[in-house]
PDB file of N, CA and C in Angstrom:
ATOM      1  N   MET A   1      -8.238 -39.614 -46.924  1.00  0.00           N
ATOM      2  CA  MET A   1      -8.151 -38.316 -46.270  1.00  0.00           C
ATOM      3  C   MET A   1      -6.874 -37.629 -46.718  1.00  0.00           C
ATOM      4  N   PRO A   2      -6.977 -36.464 -47.322  1.00  0.00           N
ATOM      5  CA  PRO A   2      -5.771 -35.756 -47.734  1.00  0.00           C
ATOM      6  C   PRO A   2      -5.013 -35.193 -46.533  1.00  0.00           C
ATOM      7  N   VAL A   3      -3.792 -34.811 -46.782  1.00  0.00           N
ATOM      8  CA  VAL A   3      -2.963 -34.207 -45.739  1.00  0.00           C
ATOM      9  C   VAL A   3      -3.658 -32.942 -45.233  1.00  0.00           C
ATOM     10  N   PRO A   4      -3.750 -32.756 -43.915  1.00  0.00           N
ATOM     11  CA  PRO A   4      -4.386 -31.553 -43.387  1.00  0.00           C
ATOM     12  C   PRO A   4      -3.670 -30.287 -43.867  1.00  0.00           C
ATOM     13  N   THR A   5      -4.407 -29.220 -43.969  1.00  0.00           N
ATOM     14  CA  THR A   5      -3.823 -27.944 -44.392  1.00  0.00           C
ATOM     15  C   THR A   5      -3.869 -26.896 -43.285  1.00  0.00           C
ATOM     16  N   ILE A   6      -4.501 -27.220 -42.170  1.00  0.00           N
ATOM     17  CA  ILE A   6      -4.656 -26.246 -41.095  1.00  0.00           C
ATOM     18  C   ILE A   6      -3.342 -26.006 -40.365  1.00  0.00           C
ATOM     19  N   ASP A   7      -3.100 -24.766 -40.021  1.00  0.00           N
ATOM     20  CA  ASP A   7      -1.956 -24.395 -39.196  1.00  0.00           C
ATOM     21  C   ASP A   7      -2.273 -24.822 -37.764  1.00  0.00           C
ATOM     22  N   PRO A   8      -1.414 -25.600 -37.120  1.00  0.00           N
ATOM     23  CA  PRO A   8      -1.713 -26.074 -35.762  1.00  0.00           C
ATOM     24  C   PRO A   8      -1.949 -24.928 -34.780  1.00  0.00           C
ATOM     25  N   GLU A   9      -1.316 -23.795 -35.018  1.00  0.00           N
ATOM     26  CA  GLU A   9      -1.487 -22.646 -34.130  1.00  0.00           C
ATOM     27  C   GLU A   9      -2.878 -22.038 -34.262  1.00  0.00           C
ATOM     28  N   LEU A  10      -3.579 -22.326 -35.349  1.00  0.00           N
ATOM     29  CA  LEU A  10      -4.907 -21.759 -35.587  1.00  0.00           C
ATOM     30  C   LEU A  10      -6.036 -22.736 -35.268  1.00  0.00           C
ATOM     31  N   ARG A  11      -5.687 -23.933 -34.807  1.00  0.00           N
ATOM     32  CA  ARG A  11      -6.721 -24.917 -34.470  1.00  0.00           C
ATOM     33  C   ARG A  11      -7.538 -24.446 -33.276  1.00  0.00           C
ATOM     34  N   ASP A  12      -8.836 -24.627 -33.370  1.00  0.00           N
ATOM     35  CA  ASP A  12      -9.732 -24.300 -32.262  1.00  0.00           C
ATOM     36  C   ASP A  12      -9.449 -25.293 -31.131  1.00  0.00           C
ATOM     37  N   PRO A  13      -9.116 -24.813 -29.939  1.00  0.00           N
ATOM     38  CA  PRO A  13      -8.814 -25.735 -28.835  1.00  0.00           C
ATOM     39  C   PRO A  13      -9.926 -26.752 -28.576  1.00  0.00           C
ATOM     40  N   ALA A  14     -11.165 -26.401 -28.878  1.00  0.00           N
ATOM     41  CA  ALA A  14     -12.281 -27.339 -28.679  1.00  0.00           C
ATOM     42  C   ALA A  14     -12.213 -28.500 -29.661  1.00  0.00           C
ATOM     43  N   ASP A  15     -11.495 -28.332 -30.774  1.00  0.00           N
ATOM     44  CA  ASP A  15     -11.373 -29.384 -31.783  1.00  0.00           C
ATOM     45  C   ASP A  15     -10.117 -30.239 -31.619  1.00  0.00           C
ATOM     46  N   VAL A  16      -9.286 -29.913 -30.640  1.00  0.00           N
ATOM     47  CA  VAL A  16      -8.030 -30.635 -30.432  1.00  0.00           C
ATOM     48  C   VAL A  16      -8.248 -31.752 -29.414  1.00  0.00           C
ATOM     49  N   ALA A  17      -8.079 -32.990 -29.868  1.00  0.00           N
ATOM     50  CA  ALA A  17      -8.232 -34.140 -28.961  1.00  0.00           C
ATOM     51  C   ALA A  17      -7.064 -34.180 -27.984  1.00  0.00           C
ATOM     52  N   PRO A  18      -7.317 -34.448 -26.712  1.00  0.00           N
ATOM     53  CA  PRO A  18      -6.213 -34.569 -25.760  1.00  0.00           C
ATOM     54  C   PRO A  18      -5.308 -35.743 -26.130  1.00  0.00           C
ATOM     55  N   THR A  19      -4.037 -35.605 -25.838  1.00  0.00           N
ATOM     56  CA  THR A  19      -3.100 -36.662 -26.225  1.00  0.00           C
ATOM     57  C   THR A  19      -3.421 -37.994 -25.561  1.00  0.00           C
ATOM     58  N   ASP A  20      -3.983 -37.969 -24.368  1.00  0.00           N
ATOM     59  CA  ASP A  20      -4.266 -39.252 -23.719  1.00  0.00           C
ATOM     60  C   ASP A  20      -5.527 -39.929 -24.267  1.00  0.00           C
ATOM     61  N   SER A  21      -6.154 -39.329 -25.283  1.00  0.00           N
ATOM     62  CA  SER A  21      -7.274 -39.997 -25.943  1.00  0.00           C
ATOM     63  C   SER A  21      -6.781 -40.961 -27.023  1.00  0.00           C
ATOM     64  N   TYR A  22      -5.487 -40.888 -27.354  1.00  0.00           N
ATOM     65  CA  TYR A  22      -4.905 -41.777 -28.356  1.00  0.00           C
ATOM     66  C   TYR A  22      -4.361 -43.033 -27.686  1.00  0.00           C
ATOM     67  N   GLN A  23      -4.400 -44.131 -28.436  1.00  0.00           N
ATOM     68  CA  GLN A  23      -3.866 -45.416 -27.973  1.00  0.00           C
ATOM     69  C   GLN A  23      -2.653 -45.793 -28.819  1.00  0.00           C
ATOM     70  N   ARG A  24      -1.840 -46.693 -28.300  1.00  0.00           N
ATOM     71  CA  ARG A  24      -0.678 -47.192 -29.031  1.00  0.00           C
ATOM     72  C   ARG A  24      -1.109 -47.699 -30.412  1.00  0.00           C
ATOM     73  N   PHE A  25      -0.361 -47.340 -31.420  1.00  0.00           N
ATOM     74  CA  PHE A  25      -0.552 -47.705 -32.832  1.00  0.00           C
ATOM     75  C   PHE A  25      -1.689 -46.948 -33.527  1.00  0.00           C
ATOM     76  N   ASP A  26      -2.327 -45.994 -32.859  1.00  0.00           N
ATOM     77  CA  ASP A  26      -3.330 -45.183 -33.555  1.00  0.00           C
ATOM     78  C   ASP A  26      -2.654 -44.401 -34.678  1.00  0.00           C
ATOM     79  N   PRO A  27      -3.253 -44.376 -35.872  1.00  0.00           N
ATOM     80  CA  PRO A  27      -2.700 -43.590 -36.972  1.00  0.00           C
ATOM     81  C   PRO A  27      -3.023 -42.107 -36.782  1.00  0.00           C
ATOM     82  N   VAL A  28      -2.026 -41.269 -36.948  1.00  0.00           N
ATOM     83  CA  VAL A  28      -2.198 -39.829 -36.753  1.00  0.00           C
ATOM     84  C   VAL A  28      -1.412 -39.051 -37.804  1.00  0.00           C
ATOM     85  N   TRP A  29      -1.746 -37.786 -37.908  1.00  0.00           N
ATOM     86  CA  TRP A  29      -0.915 -36.818 -38.612  1.00  0.00           C
ATOM     87  C   TRP A  29      -0.125 -36.087 -37.543  1.00  0.00           C
ATOM     88  N   VAL A  30       1.136 -35.789 -37.807  1.00  0.00           N
ATOM     89  CA  VAL A  30       1.948 -34.998 -36.888  1.00  0.00           C
ATOM     90  C   VAL A  30       2.519 -33.804 -37.651  1.00  0.00           C
ATOM     91  N   PHE A  31       2.572 -32.669 -36.977  1.00  0.00           N
ATOM     92  CA  PHE A  31       3.082 -31.461 -37.611  1.00  0.00           C
ATOM     93  C   PHE A  31       4.531 -31.264 -37.186  1.00  0.00           C
ATOM     94  N   ARG A  32       5.449 -31.464 -38.131  1.00  0.00           N
ATOM     95  CA  ARG A  32       6.885 -31.289 -37.883  1.00  0.00           C
ATOM     96  C   ARG A  32       7.495 -30.611 -39.096  1.00  0.00           C
ATOM     97  N   GLY A  33       8.405 -29.699 -38.865  1.00  0.00           N
ATOM     98  CA  GLY A  33       9.122 -29.051 -39.952  1.00  0.00           C
ATOM     99  C   GLY A  33       8.229 -28.282 -40.907  1.00  0.00           C
ATOM    100  N   GLY A  34       7.096 -27.777 -40.402  1.00  0.00           N
ATOM    101  CA  GLY A  34       6.208 -26.986 -41.229  1.00  0.00           C
ATOM    102  C   GLY A  34       5.242 -27.779 -42.081  1.00  0.00           C
ATOM    103  N   ASN A  35       5.196 -29.109 -41.885  1.00  0.00           N
ATOM    104  CA  ASN A  35       4.317 -29.960 -42.683  1.00  0.00           C
ATOM    105  C   ASN A  35       3.641 -31.003 -41.809  1.00  0.00           C
ATOM    106  N   TRP A  36       2.456 -31.422 -42.232  1.00  0.00           N
ATOM    107  CA  TRP A  36       1.783 -32.552 -41.600  1.00  0.00           C
ATOM    108  C   TRP A  36       2.348 -33.824 -42.220  1.00  0.00           C
ATOM    109  N   ARG A  37       2.725 -34.773 -41.377  1.00  0.00           N
ATOM    110  CA  ARG A  37       3.318 -36.037 -41.803  1.00  0.00           C
ATOM    111  C   ARG A  37       2.566 -37.206 -41.191  1.00  0.00           C
ATOM    112  N   ALA A  38       2.491 -38.327 -41.906  1.00  0.00           N
ATOM    113  CA  ALA A  38       1.861 -39.524 -41.365  1.00  0.00           C
ATOM    114  C   ALA A  38       2.674 -40.045 -40.190  1.00  0.00           C
ATOM    115  N   GLY A  39       1.965 -40.437 -39.132  1.00  0.00           N
ATOM    116  CA  GLY A  39       2.626 -40.963 -37.950  1.00  0.00           C
ATOM    117  C   GLY A  39       1.769 -41.994 -37.243  1.00  0.00           C
ATOM    118  N   VAL A  40       2.346 -42.592 -36.206  1.00  0.00           N
ATOM    119  CA  VAL A  40       1.678 -43.609 -35.397  1.00  0.00           C
ATOM    120  C   VAL A  40       2.020 -43.331 -33.935  1.00  0.00           C
ATOM    121  N   ILE A  41       1.019 -43.409 -33.080  1.00  0.00           N
ATOM    122  CA  ILE A  41       1.235 -43.212 -31.645  1.00  0.00           C
ATOM    123  C   ILE A  41       2.025 -44.389 -31.075  1.00  0.00           C
ATOM    124  N   GLU A  42       3.046 -44.075 -30.310  1.00  0.00           N
ATOM    125  CA  GLU A  42       3.816 -45.097 -29.588  1.00  0.00           C
ATOM    126  C   GLU A  42       3.387 -45.144 -28.124  1.00  0.00           C
ATOM    127  N   ALA A  43       3.161 -43.969 -27.537  1.00  0.00           N
ATOM    128  CA  ALA A  43       2.732 -43.853 -26.145  1.00  0.00           C
ATOM    129  C   ALA A  43       2.110 -42.478 -25.972  1.00  0.00           C
ATOM    130  N   ALA A  44       1.224 -42.352 -24.991  1.00  0.00           N
ATOM    131  CA  ALA A  44       0.579 -41.058 -24.762  1.00  0.00           C
ATOM    132  C   ALA A  44       0.305 -40.873 -23.273  1.00  0.00           C
ATOM    133  N   SER A  45       0.370 -39.617 -22.860  1.00  0.00           N
ATOM    134  CA  SER A  45       0.018 -39.233 -21.502  1.00  0.00           C
ATOM    135  C   SER A  45      -0.905 -38.025 -21.594  1.00  0.00           C
ATOM    136  N   ALA A  46      -1.277 -37.484 -20.458  1.00  0.00           N
ATOM    137  CA  ALA A  46      -2.156 -36.316 -20.457  1.00  0.00           C
ATOM    138  C   ALA A  46      -1.479 -35.089 -21.060  1.00  0.00           C
ATOM    139  N   ARG A  47      -0.159 -35.071 -21.098  1.00  0.00           N
ATOM    140  CA  ARG A  47       0.561 -33.890 -21.574  1.00  0.00           C
ATOM    141  C   ARG A  47       1.123 -33.994 -22.984  1.00  0.00           C
ATOM    142  N   ALA A  48       1.447 -35.196 -23.427  1.00  0.00           N
ATOM    143  CA  ALA A  48       2.111 -35.340 -24.731  1.00  0.00           C
ATOM    144  C   ALA A  48       1.966 -36.761 -25.258  1.00  0.00           C
ATOM    145  N   ALA A  49       2.274 -36.889 -26.550  1.00  0.00           N
ATOM    146  CA  ALA A  49       2.272 -38.206 -27.189  1.00  0.00           C
ATOM    147  C   ALA A  49       3.617 -38.426 -27.867  1.00  0.00           C
ATOM    148  N   MET A  50       4.135 -39.634 -27.749  1.00  0.00           N
ATOM    149  CA  MET A  50       5.343 -40.004 -28.463  1.00  0.00           C
ATOM    150  C   MET A  50       4.898 -40.680 -29.749  1.00  0.00           C
ATOM    151  N   VAL A  51       5.417 -40.212 -30.876  1.00  0.00           N
ATOM    152  CA  VAL A  51       4.993 -40.729 -32.177  1.00  0.00           C
ATOM    153  C   VAL A  51       6.186 -41.127 -33.025  1.00  0.00           C
ATOM    154  N   THR A  52       5.975 -42.152 -33.841  1.00  0.00           N
ATOM    155  CA  THR A  52       6.895 -42.475 -34.926  1.00  0.00           C
ATOM    156  C   THR A  52       6.251 -41.897 -36.170  1.00  0.00           C
ATOM    157  N   TYR A  53       7.022 -41.202 -36.973  1.00  0.00           N
ATOM    158  CA  TYR A  53       6.449 -40.544 -38.150  1.00  0.00           C
ATOM    159  C   TYR A  53       7.440 -40.550 -39.294  1.00  0.00           C
ATOM    160  N   ARG A  54       6.924 -40.244 -40.471  1.00  0.00           N
ATOM    161  CA  ARG A  54       7.765 -40.157 -41.667  1.00  0.00           C
ATOM    162  C   ARG A  54       8.132 -38.694 -41.891  1.00  0.00           C
ATOM    163  N   PRO A  55       9.378 -38.292 -41.594  1.00  0.00           N
ATOM    164  CA  PRO A  55       9.756 -36.890 -41.723  1.00  0.00           C
ATOM    165  C   PRO A  55       9.882 -36.409 -43.169  1.00  0.00           C
ATOM    166  N   SER A  56       9.852 -37.328 -44.112  1.00  0.00           N
ATOM    167  CA  SER A  56       9.914 -36.966 -45.530  1.00  0.00           C
ATOM    168  C   SER A  56       9.135 -38.021 -46.307  1.00  0.00           C
ATOM    169  N   ASP A  57       9.216 -37.959 -47.611  1.00  0.00           N
ATOM    170  CA  ASP A  57       8.521 -38.946 -48.435  1.00  0.00           C
ATOM    171  C   ASP A  57       9.311 -40.240 -48.592  1.00  0.00           C
ATOM    172  N   SER A  58      10.458 -40.325 -47.939  1.00  0.00           N
ATOM    173  CA  SER A  58      11.274 -41.538 -48.022  1.00  0.00           C
ATOM    174  C   SER A  58      10.764 -42.580 -47.026  1.00  0.00           C
ATOM    175  N   ARG A  59      11.432 -43.728 -46.984  1.00  0.00           N
ATOM    176  CA  ARG A  59      11.023 -44.826 -46.110  1.00  0.00           C
ATOM    177  C   ARG A  59      11.472 -44.635 -44.670  1.00  0.00           C
ATOM    178  N   GLY A  60      12.342 -43.702 -44.389  1.00  0.00           N
ATOM    179  CA  GLY A  60      12.855 -43.508 -43.039  1.00  0.00           C
ATOM    180  C   GLY A  60      11.800 -42.969 -42.089  1.00  0.00           C
ATOM    181  N   THR A  61      12.058 -43.139 -40.784  1.00  0.00           N
ATOM    182  CA  THR A  61      11.142 -42.636 -39.766  1.00  0.00           C
ATOM    183  C   THR A  61      11.906 -41.843 -38.722  1.00  0.00           C
ATOM    184  N   GLY A  62      11.164 -41.054 -37.988  1.00  0.00           N
ATOM    185  CA  GLY A  62      11.684 -40.324 -36.853  1.00  0.00           C
ATOM    186  C   GLY A  62      10.765 -40.557 -35.672  1.00  0.00           C
ATOM    187  N   VAL A  63      11.237 -40.255 -34.484  1.00  0.00           N
ATOM    188  CA  VAL A  63      10.430 -40.370 -33.277  1.00  0.00           C
ATOM    189  C   VAL A  63      10.508 -39.039 -32.558  1.00  0.00           C
ATOM    190  N   ASP A  64       9.363 -38.559 -32.099  1.00  0.00           N
ATOM    191  CA  ASP A  64       9.321 -37.278 -31.405  1.00  0.00           C
ATOM    192  C   ASP A  64       8.192 -37.294 -30.393  1.00  0.00           C
ATOM    193  N   THR A  65       8.245 -36.374 -29.458  1.00  0.00           N
ATOM    194  CA  THR A  65       7.195 -36.203 -28.472  1.00  0.00           C
ATOM    195  C   THR A  65       6.517 -34.876 -28.756  1.00  0.00           C
ATOM    196  N   LEU A  66       5.187 -34.918 -28.892  1.00  0.00           N
ATOM    197  CA  LEU A  66       4.431 -33.745 -29.309  1.00  0.00           C
ATOM    198  C   LEU A  66       3.253 -33.494 -28.389  1.00  0.00           C
ATOM    199  N   THR A  67       2.875 -32.223 -28.276  1.00  0.00           N
ATOM    200  CA  THR A  67       1.659 -31.876 -27.552  1.00  0.00           C
ATOM    201  C   THR A  67       0.464 -32.026 -28.486  1.00  0.00           C
ATOM    202  N   ALA A  68      -0.730 -31.984 -27.934  1.00  0.00           N
ATOM    203  CA  ALA A  68      -1.959 -32.276 -28.668  1.00  0.00           C
ATOM    204  C   ALA A  68      -2.171 -31.393 -29.897  1.00  0.00           C
ATOM    205  N   ARG A  69      -1.770 -30.157 -29.844  1.00  0.00           N
ATOM    206  CA  ARG A  69      -1.985 -29.237 -30.964  1.00  0.00           C
ATOM    207  C   ARG A  69      -1.338 -29.736 -32.255  1.00  0.00           C
ATOM    208  N   PHE A  70      -0.269 -30.511 -32.131  1.00  0.00           N
ATOM    209  CA  PHE A  70       0.507 -30.957 -33.288  1.00  0.00           C
ATOM    210  C   PHE A  70       0.207 -32.397 -33.704  1.00  0.00           C
ATOM    211  N   VAL A  71      -0.891 -32.951 -33.179  1.00  0.00           N
ATOM    212  CA  VAL A  71      -1.308 -34.318 -33.498  1.00  0.00           C
ATOM    213  C   VAL A  71      -2.772 -34.279 -33.936  1.00  0.00           C
ATOM    214  N   LEU A  72      -3.084 -35.035 -34.976  1.00  0.00           N
ATOM    215  CA  LEU A  72      -4.442 -35.070 -35.518  1.00  0.00           C
ATOM    216  C   LEU A  72      -4.729 -36.486 -36.007  1.00  0.00           C
ATOM    217  N   ALA A  73      -5.886 -37.026 -35.682  1.00  0.00           N
ATOM    218  CA  ALA A  73      -6.234 -38.384 -36.107  1.00  0.00           C
ATOM    219  C   ALA A  73      -6.166 -38.510 -37.627  1.00  0.00           C
ATOM    220  N   ARG A  74      -5.717 -39.666 -38.086  1.00  0.00           N
ATOM    221  CA  ARG A  74      -5.568 -39.940 -39.526  1.00  0.00           C
ATOM    222  C   ARG A  74      -6.409 -41.154 -39.875  1.00  0.00           C
ATOM    223  N   ALA A  75      -7.178 -41.059 -40.973  1.00  0.00           N
ATOM    224  CA  ALA A  75      -8.031 -42.168 -41.392  1.00  0.00           C
ATOM    225  C   ALA A  75      -7.366 -43.035 -42.458  1.00  0.00           C
ATOM    226  N   ASP A  76      -6.609 -42.445 -43.356  1.00  0.00           N
ATOM    227  CA  ASP A  76      -5.986 -43.198 -44.441  1.00  0.00           C
ATOM    228  C   ASP A  76      -4.842 -44.052 -43.921  1.00  0.00           C
ATOM    229  N   ARG A  77      -4.703 -45.227 -44.490  1.00  0.00           N
ATOM    230  CA  ARG A  77      -3.630 -46.148 -44.108  1.00  0.00           C
ATOM    231  C   ARG A  77      -2.319 -45.736 -44.752  1.00  0.00           C
ATOM    232  N   ASP A  78      -1.253 -45.809 -43.996  1.00  0.00           N
ATOM    233  CA  ASP A  78       0.094 -45.588 -44.515  1.00  0.00           C
ATOM    234  C   ASP A  78       0.792 -46.945 -44.528  1.00  0.00           C
ATOM    235  N   PRO A  79       1.133 -47.466 -45.710  1.00  0.00           N
ATOM    236  CA  PRO A  79       1.682 -48.821 -45.789  1.00  0.00           C
ATOM    237  C   PRO A  79       3.026 -48.997 -45.085  1.00  0.00           C
ATOM    238  N   LEU A  80       3.751 -47.935 -44.860  1.00  0.00           N
ATOM    239  CA  LEU A  80       5.052 -48.063 -44.202  1.00  0.00           C
ATOM    240  C   LEU A  80       4.974 -47.935 -42.683  1.00  0.00           C
ATOM    241  N   LEU A  81       3.874 -47.380 -42.175  1.00  0.00           N
ATOM    242  CA  LEU A  81       3.772 -47.153 -40.741  1.00  0.00           C
ATOM    243  C   LEU A  81       2.724 -47.992 -40.031  1.00  0.00           C
ATOM    244  N   ASP A  82       1.593 -48.184 -40.680  1.00  0.00           N
ATOM    245  CA  ASP A  82       0.462 -48.809 -39.995  1.00  0.00           C
ATOM    246  C   ASP A  82       0.619 -50.320 -39.921  1.00  0.00           C
ATOM    247  N   ARG A  83       0.351 -50.834 -38.739  1.00  0.00           N
ATOM    248  CA  ARG A  83       0.452 -52.275 -38.502  1.00  0.00           C
ATOM    249  C   ARG A  83      -0.691 -52.991 -39.180  1.00  0.00           C
ATOM    250  N   VAL A  84      -0.383 -54.131 -39.726  1.00  0.00           N
ATOM    251  CA  VAL A  84      -1.417 -54.987 -40.316  1.00  0.00           C
ATOM    252  C   VAL A  84      -1.800 -55.995 -39.248  1.00  0.00           C
ATOM    253  N   THR A  85      -3.082 -56.058 -38.932  1.00  0.00           N
ATOM    254  CA  THR A  85      -3.540 -57.017 -37.929  1.00  0.00           C
ATOM    255  C   THR A  85      -4.262 -58.151 -38.621  1.00  0.00           C
ATOM    256  N   THR A  86      -4.069 -59.328 -38.086  1.00  0.00           N
ATOM    257  CA  THR A  86      -4.764 -60.504 -38.623  1.00  0.00           C
ATOM    258  C   THR A  86      -5.579 -61.129 -37.513  1.00  0.00           C
ATOM    259  N   SER A  87      -6.704 -61.690 -37.883  1.00  0.00           N
ATOM    260  CA  SER A  87      -7.579 -62.322 -36.873  1.00  0.00           C
ATOM    261  C   SER A  87      -7.426 -63.809 -36.911  1.00  0.00           C
TER     262      SER A  87
END
């Protein structure tokens, strides 16, 4: 899945998943600094989600709290953010 190109302000509210529909470690895109960035849900409530995300193409991460408009489910794996689970 390529990086989203939609402006979060132009998203149809019917297409925006509520933040409390996300679970811990769900992979998401987050809109920060004018760009969509790979992120992971840390916690979510009915009003906002706390995410760890990559603010640039480097290995560093940031943590922020965002409303639903600025969060979008991500299908592609990010090797620096997504947890590897073993059975």
